[in-house]
Protein backbone atom coordinates (compact mmCIF):
# COMPACT_ATOMS: atom_id res chain seq x y z
CA MET A 1 26.51 39.43 75.33
CA LYS A 2 26.78 35.81 76.48
CA ILE A 3 26.02 35.19 80.03
CA SER A 4 26.99 32.43 82.31
CA ARG A 5 23.92 31.17 83.96
CA GLN A 6 24.47 27.68 84.56
CA TRP A 7 26.28 27.72 87.91
CA GLU A 8 24.58 26.40 91.17
CA ASN A 9 27.55 26.53 93.49
CA TYR A 10 28.84 30.15 92.46
CA ALA A 11 26.91 33.50 92.53
CA CYS A 12 27.87 36.93 91.89
CA LEU A 13 25.55 38.48 94.53
CA ASP A 14 26.23 42.30 94.32
CA ILE A 15 28.63 44.89 92.97
CA GLY A 16 29.45 48.45 93.78
CA ASP A 17 32.01 50.90 95.37
CA GLY A 18 34.52 49.24 93.53
CA TYR A 19 33.88 45.66 94.86
CA LYS A 20 32.00 42.53 94.10
CA ILE A 21 30.54 40.11 96.51
CA GLU A 22 30.33 36.56 95.38
CA ARG A 23 29.41 32.99 96.88
CA PHE A 24 31.82 30.31 96.27
CA GLY A 25 30.14 27.31 97.59
CA GLU A 26 29.49 28.09 101.22
CA TRP A 27 31.78 30.94 101.23
CA ILE A 28 31.01 34.68 101.15
CA LEU A 29 34.06 36.76 99.43
CA LYS A 30 34.39 40.23 98.72
CA ARG A 31 37.20 41.30 96.17
CA PRO A 32 38.12 44.52 94.37
CA GLU A 33 36.21 44.90 90.81
CA PRO A 34 37.42 47.99 88.92
CA THR A 35 34.02 48.34 86.66
CA ALA A 36 31.73 48.20 89.86
CA GLY A 37 30.27 51.56 89.95
CA GLY A 38 27.20 52.80 92.00
CA GLU A 39 26.67 51.45 95.57
CA LEU A 40 26.28 48.06 97.15
CA THR A 41 22.77 46.77 97.78
CA MET A 42 23.70 44.28 100.17
CA ASP A 43 24.48 45.12 103.67
CA ILE A 44 26.86 42.50 105.03
CA ALA A 45 28.97 43.12 108.20
CA HIS A 46 31.32 40.50 107.97
CA PHE A 47 32.63 38.26 104.97
CA ASP A 48 34.53 34.88 105.14
CA GLY A 49 37.24 36.55 102.98
CA GLU A 50 38.01 40.08 102.18
CA PHE A 51 40.59 41.47 99.90
CA VAL A 52 41.53 44.88 101.13
CA ASN A 53 44.53 47.29 100.68
CA GLY A 54 46.32 44.38 98.86
CA GLU A 55 45.82 41.53 101.36
CA TRP A 56 43.23 39.12 102.49
CA ARG A 57 41.44 39.20 105.59
CA HIS A 58 39.64 35.74 106.25
CA HIS A 59 38.71 32.76 108.20
CA LEU A 60 38.80 30.29 105.36
CA PRO A 61 40.26 27.05 104.86
CA GLU A 62 43.51 26.62 103.25
CA SER A 63 41.73 25.26 100.00
CA TRP A 64 38.03 24.21 99.44
CA ILE A 65 36.45 22.52 96.39
CA LEU A 66 33.84 24.21 93.98
CA GLU A 67 31.81 22.19 91.71
CA TYR A 68 30.57 22.98 88.03
CA LYS A 69 28.19 20.42 86.73
CA ASP A 70 30.57 17.43 87.03
CA MET A 71 33.70 19.27 87.19
CA LYS A 72 35.63 20.07 90.26
CA PHE A 73 37.97 22.78 91.05
CA GLN A 74 40.33 23.37 94.18
CA LEU A 75 40.04 27.10 95.29
CA LYS A 76 42.72 28.83 97.19
CA LEU A 77 43.41 32.50 98.05
CA SER A 78 46.31 34.14 96.19
CA GLU A 79 48.59 37.01 97.17
CA PHE A 80 46.67 38.95 94.62
CA LYS A 81 42.67 38.82 94.62
CA HIS A 82 42.32 35.76 92.68
CA ILE A 83 41.35 32.46 94.08
CA GLY A 84 41.77 30.18 91.10
CA ILE A 85 39.02 30.26 88.94
CA PHE A 86 37.29 32.84 86.38
CA PRO A 87 33.29 31.92 86.64
CA GLU A 88 32.28 33.64 83.61
CA GLN A 89 34.69 31.29 81.53
CA ALA A 90 32.11 28.27 82.24
CA LEU A 91 30.75 29.17 78.81
CA ASN A 92 33.68 28.09 77.03
CA TRP A 93 34.11 24.92 79.36
CA ASP A 94 30.64 24.15 78.02
CA LEU A 95 31.58 24.82 74.52
CA ILE A 96 34.68 22.39 74.73
CA ARG A 97 32.39 19.74 76.20
CA SER A 98 29.84 20.09 73.52
CA ILE A 99 32.74 19.69 70.93
CA HIS A 100 33.63 16.51 72.53
CA ASN A 101 30.15 15.36 72.35
CA THR A 102 29.92 16.10 68.75
CA HIS A 103 33.45 15.48 67.27
CA ASP A 104 34.11 11.58 67.29
CA LYS A 105 37.87 11.60 66.56
CA PRO A 106 40.34 12.25 69.37
CA MET A 107 42.03 15.59 69.62
CA ARG A 108 45.15 17.28 70.47
CA ILE A 109 44.20 20.33 72.49
CA LEU A 110 46.62 23.31 73.47
CA ASN A 111 45.75 25.55 76.56
CA LEU A 112 47.87 28.72 76.46
CA PHE A 113 48.10 31.10 79.72
CA GLY A 114 46.25 28.15 81.09
CA TYR A 115 46.31 29.53 84.87
CA THR A 116 45.10 26.77 87.05
CA GLY A 117 43.41 24.42 84.35
CA ALA A 118 39.82 24.76 84.32
CA ALA A 119 39.66 24.74 80.46
CA THR A 120 42.38 22.09 80.51
CA VAL A 121 40.15 19.75 82.60
CA ALA A 122 37.37 20.46 80.30
CA ALA A 123 39.60 19.43 77.49
CA ALA A 124 40.72 16.45 78.99
CA MET A 125 37.11 14.95 80.08
CA GLY A 126 36.63 14.25 76.31
CA ASN A 127 38.07 12.13 73.60
CA VAL A 128 41.70 13.47 73.46
CA GLU A 129 44.67 12.26 72.29
CA GLU A 130 46.72 14.81 74.33
CA VAL A 131 46.03 18.00 76.04
CA VAL A 132 49.05 20.56 76.64
CA HIS A 133 48.72 23.11 79.22
CA VAL A 134 51.36 26.08 79.21
CA ASP A 135 51.59 28.91 81.65
CA ALA A 136 54.68 30.90 82.98
CA LEU A 137 54.04 30.20 86.65
CA LYS A 138 55.21 27.07 88.16
CA SER A 139 52.37 27.53 90.88
CA ALA A 140 49.61 27.86 88.29
CA ASN A 141 50.78 24.42 86.75
CA ILE A 142 50.97 22.87 89.99
CA ARG A 143 47.33 23.87 90.73
CA THR A 144 46.43 22.36 87.21
CA GLN A 145 47.89 18.82 88.25
CA GLU A 146 45.88 19.05 91.48
CA ASN A 147 42.68 19.81 89.47
CA ILE A 148 43.60 16.84 86.94
CA ARG A 149 43.55 14.60 89.99
CA LEU A 150 40.67 16.03 91.49
CA ASN A 151 38.66 15.07 88.65
CA ASN A 152 40.14 11.53 88.14
CA LEU A 153 41.83 12.38 84.87
CA GLU A 154 45.01 10.79 85.52
CA ASP A 155 44.64 8.27 82.77
CA LYS A 156 44.76 11.28 80.12
CA VAL A 157 47.82 12.41 78.59
CA VAL A 158 48.16 16.09 80.08
CA ARG A 159 51.50 17.71 79.94
CA THR A 160 51.73 21.04 82.02
CA ILE A 161 54.63 23.33 80.89
CA VAL A 162 56.19 26.36 82.50
CA ASP A 163 57.33 28.38 79.65
CA ASP A 164 56.79 31.81 77.95
CA VAL A 165 54.07 31.24 75.50
CA MET A 166 55.76 33.20 72.61
CA LYS A 167 58.72 31.17 73.04
CA PHE A 168 56.90 27.75 73.23
CA LEU A 169 54.85 28.65 70.07
CA ASP A 170 57.99 29.19 68.31
CA ARG A 171 59.33 25.92 69.13
CA GLU A 172 56.19 23.98 68.40
CA ILE A 173 56.20 25.60 64.86
CA ARG A 174 59.73 24.57 64.18
CA ARG A 175 58.88 21.06 65.48
CA GLY A 176 55.78 20.84 63.22
CA ARG A 177 53.50 20.28 65.68
CA THR A 178 49.73 20.89 65.15
CA TYR A 179 46.58 20.87 67.27
CA HIS A 180 42.88 20.36 66.64
CA GLY A 181 41.77 22.86 69.32
CA ILE A 182 43.67 26.06 70.86
CA ILE A 183 42.37 27.84 73.95
CA MET A 184 44.02 31.10 74.70
CA ASP A 185 43.55 33.41 77.91
CA PRO A 186 46.34 36.06 77.50
CA PRO A 187 46.36 38.56 80.45
CA SER A 188 46.53 42.27 79.66
CA PHE A 189 49.92 42.49 81.13
CA GLY A 190 52.32 39.80 82.45
CA ARG A 191 55.81 38.64 82.64
CA GLY A 192 57.12 35.05 81.44
CA PRO A 193 59.39 32.77 83.65
CA LYS A 194 62.75 34.60 82.73
CA GLY A 195 61.16 38.21 83.15
CA GLU A 196 59.80 38.39 79.52
CA LYS A 197 57.46 41.34 79.14
CA TRP A 198 53.79 40.89 77.99
CA LYS A 199 51.50 43.63 76.74
CA ILE A 200 48.42 42.04 74.87
CA GLU A 201 47.88 45.38 72.80
CA ASP A 202 51.35 44.88 71.37
CA GLN A 203 51.51 41.34 71.02
CA LEU A 204 48.02 40.00 70.21
CA ASP A 205 48.53 39.78 66.27
CA SER A 206 51.71 38.03 66.87
CA LEU A 207 50.14 35.50 69.34
CA ILE A 208 47.17 34.90 66.86
CA GLU A 209 49.64 34.52 63.98
CA LYS A 210 51.75 31.96 65.75
CA ALA A 211 48.70 30.05 67.27
CA VAL A 212 47.02 29.51 63.91
CA ALA A 213 50.20 28.22 62.55
CA LEU A 214 49.67 25.41 64.83
CA LEU A 215 46.19 24.46 63.90
CA ASP A 216 45.75 21.05 62.33
CA GLU A 217 44.47 20.88 58.79
CA GLU A 218 41.38 19.22 60.49
CA ALA A 219 41.12 21.95 63.03
CA VAL A 220 38.03 21.84 65.22
CA PHE A 221 37.95 25.08 67.57
CA MET A 222 39.97 28.10 68.89
CA ILE A 223 39.01 30.43 71.67
CA ILE A 224 40.71 33.91 72.60
CA ASN A 225 39.48 35.37 75.80
CA THR A 226 40.59 39.14 76.29
CA TYR A 227 40.10 41.04 79.41
CA THR A 228 41.51 44.70 78.49
CA SER A 229 39.10 47.47 77.63
CA GLN A 230 41.69 48.56 74.87
CA LEU A 231 40.46 45.63 72.79
CA THR A 232 36.58 45.37 71.68
CA PRO A 233 35.31 41.98 70.58
CA ASP A 234 35.28 43.23 67.12
CA ASN A 235 38.92 44.27 67.20
CA VAL A 236 39.91 40.78 68.14
CA LEU A 237 37.59 39.13 65.66
CA SER A 238 39.25 41.40 63.04
CA LYS A 239 42.67 40.34 64.05
CA PHE A 240 41.47 36.64 64.13
CA LYS A 241 40.17 36.64 60.54
CA LYS A 242 43.08 38.39 59.09
CA GLN A 243 45.21 35.42 59.94
CA PHE A 244 42.75 32.36 59.91
CA LYS A 245 40.65 31.95 56.84
CA PRO A 246 39.15 28.53 57.09
CA GLY A 247 36.87 26.78 54.47
CA TYR A 248 34.38 25.85 57.22
CA GLY A 249 33.16 26.45 60.45
CA GLN A 250 31.83 29.81 61.84
CA PHE A 251 33.40 32.64 64.12
CA ASP A 252 31.71 34.53 67.03
CA THR A 253 32.62 37.14 69.26
CA ASN A 254 30.92 38.52 72.40
CA VAL A 255 31.22 40.42 75.55
CA ILE A 256 30.73 37.67 78.51
CA GLY A 257 29.18 38.34 81.83
CA LEU A 258 27.63 37.13 84.92
CA PRO A 259 24.15 37.63 86.25
CA ILE A 260 24.20 39.55 89.70
CA LYS A 261 21.42 38.40 92.06
CA HIS A 262 20.99 41.96 93.71
CA LYS A 263 21.05 43.97 90.51
CA ASP A 264 18.91 44.35 87.54
CA PHE A 265 22.00 44.18 84.99
CA VAL A 266 24.85 41.92 84.51
CA LEU A 267 28.64 42.21 85.13
CA LYS A 268 30.60 42.37 82.26
CA ALA A 269 33.77 40.15 82.72
CA GLY A 270 35.65 40.29 79.52
CA ASN A 271 35.41 39.15 75.76
CA THR A 272 35.52 35.76 73.87
CA THR A 273 36.22 35.26 70.30
CA ARG A 274 35.76 31.92 69.12
CA TRP A 275 35.89 29.79 65.79
CA CYS A 276 34.33 26.24 65.63
CA LYS A 277 33.80 23.55 62.86
CA TYR A 278 30.41 23.15 64.23
CA PRO A 279 28.29 26.41 63.90
CA GLU A 280 25.37 25.12 65.79
CA LEU A 281 27.48 24.59 69.04
CA LEU A 282 28.13 28.66 69.09
CA LYS A 283 24.60 29.62 69.40
């Protein structure tokens, strides 16, 4: 397991009773967590924000800023339990930044299912020719643009595209486009902008095949994050290796998690499967 331990302004404080308690900056939030068995350790009578019975009860500002190292992200409550960031993914932001520090040529980077653009920000902070961010939700792309501005990256070429990922990949293949780095964060279930159905167990093989077809002959990295219990890290790695057989670099695959301040174990928060031209950066 790989654990994201370098946060200063975020912490998972406790889990239990089907919930997790987290600190985002100065605010304490309570949100549903399906894997949170056992009992909560902390006895907190009042939260700044609590997602209960499908809605938020809170006294939070409309938005606030969370920092990770030199990166900044705007957080907002959504109609679901999400607020605009997945803290465990800091591991992959760090990898992307490390690749920038190692690779001296400008890269074209593609972020699929890009959500509010944390990985897009990490990608744009290095030596890039272009970053392309694709998500089916217009609201997610607007949030990404806000995060790009927040990090003073307006001088970088960052394209945010509202589209169904599979259709976008088909068009890019026909255009003959290639990318040096690809990031994919597919949901377990979802719908495209025109109601296209998505189920990761049924479509992951095709997704990987299409994405690999867009890798440049001088590809540098590829990251696939999965959040369904139906796919183990080894499942995803096997699918990845079946489609992609580079003559250089290295693969790794891991459960990723977050430390819990008031528990002696970690919160498992999905899987990440990666390939990188520079094996030493995967350690």
